[in-house]
Amino acid sequence: MSDIEMRQISAQHCLHSYSGKGRPNFLKRLTYLAKRGFDIVAASAMLVLALPLMVVTAAAVALDGGPILYLANRIGSKGAPFKCIKFRTMFADAEESLEEYLYYHQSERIEWLQNHKLVFDPRVTPIGRFLRRSSIDELPQFINVIRGEMSLVGPRPVTQAELDNHYGPKAEFYKSMRPGMTGLWQVSGRNDVKYATRVALDEQYVRQWRFTLDILILFRTFRVVLSSRGAR
């Protein structure tokens, strides 16, 4: 059994340990309020702690003359669109260069259509590759969390096209919670996981969510980030 399969089984065991069946509705509401309160306090504290690193990162990203931040169009709770804030990791002409690259590399086009990811992405800058491997590019998303557009833990933020093409009826599970900076996908292999598995993990997270599951995922996230496992 591969290492990726073992991590996916570990995620399933994590979920089954926190099934949450039989909880009264009022208790569920209270735990959702606790989740939001924890998001605000923890994200605010981490944003302050990360500020020196973010200033250095901003200066490094700006060296090529492009914008520091990238505002990605993503779908949030109840289907509301929002701008997911990241440090820019791509060249300024990213979209145009992708179309040209995929035109001449048809096998990569198939990979892109299936996963919305590329093993080798020509759009990514040298500093951008480091920021992605270390997940430093996602630090500005603490602002999204504080604003209520995201949560520290939740389904992986996706575009409308991904929701339409890959989620189908399971899109309702995704839209029932705020997308997260981390989640079951990130602690189960990240980009090593097939897209269908990502969708299944999002559904299971929503079905079996409880506050203690978020805490467990956060602890596992630190280990995954330090190892750069599955990052691209």
Protein backbone atom coordinates (compact mmCIF):
# COMPACT_ATOMS: atom_id res chain seq x y z
CA MET A 1 0.00 0.00 0.00
CA SER A 2 1.39 3.39 -1.01
CA ASP A 3 2.15 6.26 1.37
CA ILE A 4 -0.62 8.34 -0.25
CA GLU A 5 -3.18 5.57 0.33
CA MET A 6 -2.09 5.28 3.96
CA ARG A 7 -2.61 9.04 4.48
CA GLN A 8 -6.07 8.85 2.91
CA ILE A 9 -7.02 5.95 5.20
CA SER A 10 -5.75 7.98 8.16
CA ALA A 11 -8.06 10.83 7.13
CA GLN A 12 -11.00 8.43 6.96
CA HIS A 13 -10.24 7.13 10.45
CA CYS A 14 -10.04 10.69 11.69
CA LEU A 15 -13.49 11.41 10.28
CA HIS A 16 -15.08 8.26 11.66
CA SER A 17 -13.73 9.06 15.11
CA TYR A 18 -15.66 12.33 15.00
CA SER A 19 -18.91 11.31 13.33
CA GLY A 20 -21.02 13.69 15.44
CA LYS A 21 -24.16 11.56 15.10
CA GLY A 22 -26.98 12.21 17.52
CA ARG A 23 -25.91 15.70 18.62
CA PRO A 24 -28.79 18.06 19.48
CA ASN A 25 -29.33 20.92 17.02
CA PHE A 26 -28.70 23.60 19.65
CA LEU A 27 -25.33 22.03 20.46
CA LYS A 28 -24.46 22.00 16.77
CA ARG A 29 -25.28 25.72 16.54
CA LEU A 30 -23.11 26.42 19.57
CA THR A 31 -20.18 24.55 18.06
CA TYR A 32 -20.52 26.51 14.82
CA LEU A 33 -20.41 29.73 16.87
CA ALA A 34 -17.33 28.40 18.65
CA LYS A 35 -15.74 27.67 15.26
CA ARG A 36 -16.30 31.25 14.10
CA GLY A 37 -15.06 32.71 17.37
CA PHE A 38 -11.95 30.55 17.25
CA ASP A 39 -11.34 31.59 13.63
CA ILE A 40 -11.41 35.29 14.51
CA VAL A 41 -9.14 35.02 17.56
CA ALA A 42 -6.65 32.52 16.11
CA ALA A 43 -6.43 34.15 12.67
CA SER A 44 -5.90 37.60 14.21
CA ALA A 45 -3.12 36.29 16.45
CA MET A 46 -1.42 34.38 13.61
CA LEU A 47 -1.67 37.38 11.30
CA VAL A 48 0.21 39.51 13.84
CA LEU A 49 2.85 36.81 14.37
CA ALA A 50 3.29 36.29 10.62
CA LEU A 51 3.52 40.01 9.81
CA PRO A 52 7.36 40.25 9.71
CA LEU A 53 7.55 37.24 7.38
CA MET A 54 4.79 38.70 5.22
CA VAL A 55 6.66 42.00 4.86
CA VAL A 56 9.81 40.18 3.70
CA THR A 57 7.77 38.04 1.33
CA ALA A 58 6.02 41.08 -0.13
CA ALA A 59 9.38 42.70 -0.86
CA ALA A 60 10.66 39.52 -2.57
CA VAL A 61 7.53 39.14 -4.71
CA ALA A 62 7.69 42.79 -5.80
CA LEU A 63 11.23 42.45 -7.19
CA ASP A 64 10.01 41.58 -10.70
CA GLY A 65 7.85 44.70 -10.83
CA GLY A 66 4.52 42.86 -10.69
CA PRO A 67 1.76 43.17 -8.08
CA ILE A 68 2.41 41.70 -4.61
CA LEU A 69 -0.97 40.09 -4.09
CA TYR A 70 -3.14 37.91 -6.28
CA LEU A 71 -6.91 38.00 -5.78
CA ALA A 72 -8.30 34.64 -6.90
CA ASN A 73 -12.00 34.27 -7.67
CA ARG A 74 -13.40 31.56 -5.40
CA ILE A 75 -16.83 30.38 -4.23
CA GLY A 76 -17.67 30.65 -0.55
CA SER A 77 -20.45 29.76 1.83
CA LYS A 78 -23.95 29.67 0.26
CA GLY A 79 -22.35 30.03 -3.16
CA ALA A 80 -21.24 33.64 -2.62
CA PRO A 81 -18.14 34.57 -4.67
CA PHE A 82 -15.19 36.20 -2.92
CA LYS A 83 -11.59 37.20 -3.59
CA CYS A 84 -9.17 34.70 -2.05
CA ILE A 85 -6.01 36.65 -1.14
CA LYS A 86 -2.60 35.16 -1.88
CA PHE A 87 0.91 36.37 -2.49
CA ARG A 88 1.44 36.36 -6.25
CA THR A 89 3.37 33.27 -7.31
CA MET A 90 2.96 33.60 -11.09
CA PHE A 91 4.25 35.86 -13.83
CA ALA A 92 2.08 38.81 -14.76
CA ASP A 93 0.96 37.24 -18.08
CA ALA A 94 0.03 33.94 -16.42
CA GLU A 95 -3.23 33.24 -18.23
CA GLU A 96 -1.85 33.97 -21.69
CA SER A 97 1.24 31.84 -21.12
CA LEU A 98 -0.89 28.94 -19.86
CA GLU A 99 -3.04 28.93 -23.00
CA GLU A 100 0.05 28.95 -25.20
CA TYR A 101 1.74 26.21 -23.18
CA LEU A 102 -1.34 23.94 -23.24
CA TYR A 103 -1.74 24.50 -26.99
CA TYR A 104 1.69 22.98 -27.61
CA HIS A 105 1.50 20.34 -24.82
CA GLN A 106 -1.72 18.37 -25.22
CA SER A 107 -0.93 15.81 -22.52
CA GLU A 108 -0.63 18.65 -20.00
CA ARG A 109 -3.95 20.04 -21.27
CA ILE A 110 -5.61 16.77 -20.28
CA GLU A 111 -3.92 16.95 -16.86
CA TRP A 112 -5.18 20.53 -16.44
CA LEU A 113 -8.76 19.64 -17.38
CA GLN A 114 -8.76 16.72 -14.94
CA ASN A 115 -7.10 18.30 -11.91
CA HIS A 116 -6.82 22.08 -12.51
CA LYS A 117 -3.17 21.55 -11.54
CA LEU A 118 0.05 20.93 -13.46
CA VAL A 119 3.10 19.01 -12.24
CA PHE A 120 5.18 21.61 -14.06
CA ASP A 121 3.41 24.95 -14.28
CA PRO A 122 5.27 27.41 -16.55
CA ARG A 123 3.40 30.35 -15.03
CA VAL A 124 5.04 30.02 -11.60
CA THR A 125 8.00 32.28 -10.77
CA PRO A 126 11.13 30.94 -9.01
CA ILE A 127 10.18 32.69 -5.75
CA GLY A 128 6.63 31.51 -6.32
CA ARG A 129 7.72 27.86 -6.29
CA PHE A 130 9.28 28.33 -2.87
CA LEU A 131 6.23 30.18 -1.56
CA ARG A 132 3.96 27.36 -2.73
CA ARG A 133 6.10 24.56 -1.30
CA SER A 134 6.22 26.33 2.05
CA SER A 135 2.56 27.53 1.89
CA ILE A 136 3.77 31.07 2.67
CA ASP A 137 1.75 32.30 -0.33
CA GLU A 138 -1.44 31.56 1.65
CA LEU A 139 -0.63 33.69 4.71
CA PRO A 140 -2.75 36.66 3.48
CA GLN A 141 -5.79 34.39 3.70
CA PHE A 142 -5.87 35.10 7.43
CA ILE A 143 -7.54 38.33 6.26
CA ASN A 144 -10.19 36.28 4.45
CA VAL A 145 -10.80 34.34 7.67
CA ILE A 146 -11.16 37.48 9.79
CA ARG A 147 -13.58 38.97 7.22
CA GLY A 148 -15.73 35.85 7.42
CA GLU A 149 -15.13 34.67 3.84
CA MET A 150 -13.07 31.67 4.88
CA SER A 151 -12.41 29.51 7.92
CA LEU A 152 -9.11 28.18 9.24
CA VAL A 153 -10.41 24.67 8.46
CA GLY A 154 -12.96 23.75 5.81
CA PRO A 155 -13.43 22.50 2.25
CA ARG A 156 -10.73 23.47 -0.25
CA PRO A 157 -11.56 26.82 -1.94
CA VAL A 158 -12.63 26.23 -5.54
CA THR A 159 -13.69 28.20 -8.60
CA GLN A 160 -17.18 28.18 -10.07
CA ALA A 161 -15.89 26.08 -12.99
CA GLU A 162 -14.51 23.45 -10.60
CA LEU A 163 -17.79 23.39 -8.70
CA ASP A 164 -19.78 22.94 -11.91
CA ASN A 165 -17.49 20.38 -13.55
CA HIS A 166 -16.43 18.21 -10.62
CA TYR A 167 -18.81 18.50 -7.66
CA GLY A 168 -22.24 17.96 -9.20
CA PRO A 169 -24.86 17.37 -6.46
CA LYS A 170 -22.08 17.42 -3.85
CA ALA A 171 -21.69 21.15 -4.47
CA GLU A 172 -24.38 21.73 -1.83
CA PHE A 173 -22.13 20.19 0.82
CA TYR A 174 -19.29 22.48 -0.25
CA LYS A 175 -21.48 25.61 -0.12
CA SER A 176 -22.88 24.76 3.32
CA MET A 177 -19.63 25.84 5.07
CA ARG A 178 -16.90 28.43 4.63
CA PRO A 179 -13.92 27.12 2.62
CA GLY A 180 -10.79 26.65 4.70
CA MET A 181 -7.13 27.62 4.63
CA THR A 182 -6.54 23.97 5.45
CA GLY A 183 -8.68 20.86 5.55
CA LEU A 184 -8.79 17.11 5.00
CA TRP A 185 -7.38 17.53 1.48
CA GLN A 186 -4.27 19.28 2.76
CA VAL A 187 -3.54 16.64 5.42
CA SER A 188 -4.27 13.73 3.05
CA GLY A 189 -1.66 14.33 0.37
CA ARG A 190 -2.57 17.74 -1.14
CA ASN A 191 -1.71 17.68 -4.86
CA ASP A 192 -0.92 13.95 -4.72
CA VAL A 193 -4.65 13.26 -4.24
CA LYS A 194 -6.95 12.76 -7.24
CA TYR A 195 -9.68 15.35 -7.77
CA ALA A 196 -12.51 12.88 -7.10
CA THR A 197 -10.91 12.13 -3.74
CA ARG A 198 -10.77 15.85 -2.92
CA VAL A 199 -14.51 16.13 -3.56
CA ALA A 200 -15.19 13.08 -1.40
CA LEU A 201 -13.07 14.49 1.42
CA ASP A 202 -14.94 17.80 1.27
CA GLU A 203 -18.28 15.99 1.49
CA GLN A 204 -17.21 13.81 4.40
CA TYR A 205 -15.75 16.76 6.27
CA VAL A 206 -19.07 18.61 6.08
CA ARG A 207 -21.13 15.53 6.95
CA GLN A 208 -19.07 14.65 10.01
CA TRP A 209 -17.80 18.02 11.16
CA ARG A 210 -17.31 18.99 14.75
CA PHE A 211 -15.00 21.47 16.45
CA THR A 212 -12.55 18.85 17.76
CA LEU A 213 -12.01 17.63 14.19
CA ASP A 214 -10.84 21.13 13.21
CA ILE A 215 -8.29 21.12 16.03
CA LEU A 216 -6.95 17.74 14.93
CA ILE A 217 -6.64 18.90 11.31
CA LEU A 218 -4.81 22.07 12.38
CA PHE A 219 -2.23 20.03 14.31
CA ARG A 220 -1.74 17.72 11.33
CA THR A 221 -1.42 20.73 9.00
CA PHE A 222 1.69 21.99 10.80
CA ARG A 223 3.38 18.63 10.20
CA VAL A 224 2.38 18.56 6.52
CA VAL A 225 3.58 22.12 5.89
CA LEU A 226 6.94 21.45 7.51
CA SER A 227 7.44 18.38 5.33
CA SER A 228 6.19 20.16 2.14
CA ARG A 229 4.39 16.91 1.32
CA GLY A 230 2.32 17.07 -1.85
CA ALA A 231 3.07 20.78 -2.40
CA ARG A 232 3.55 22.28 -5.88
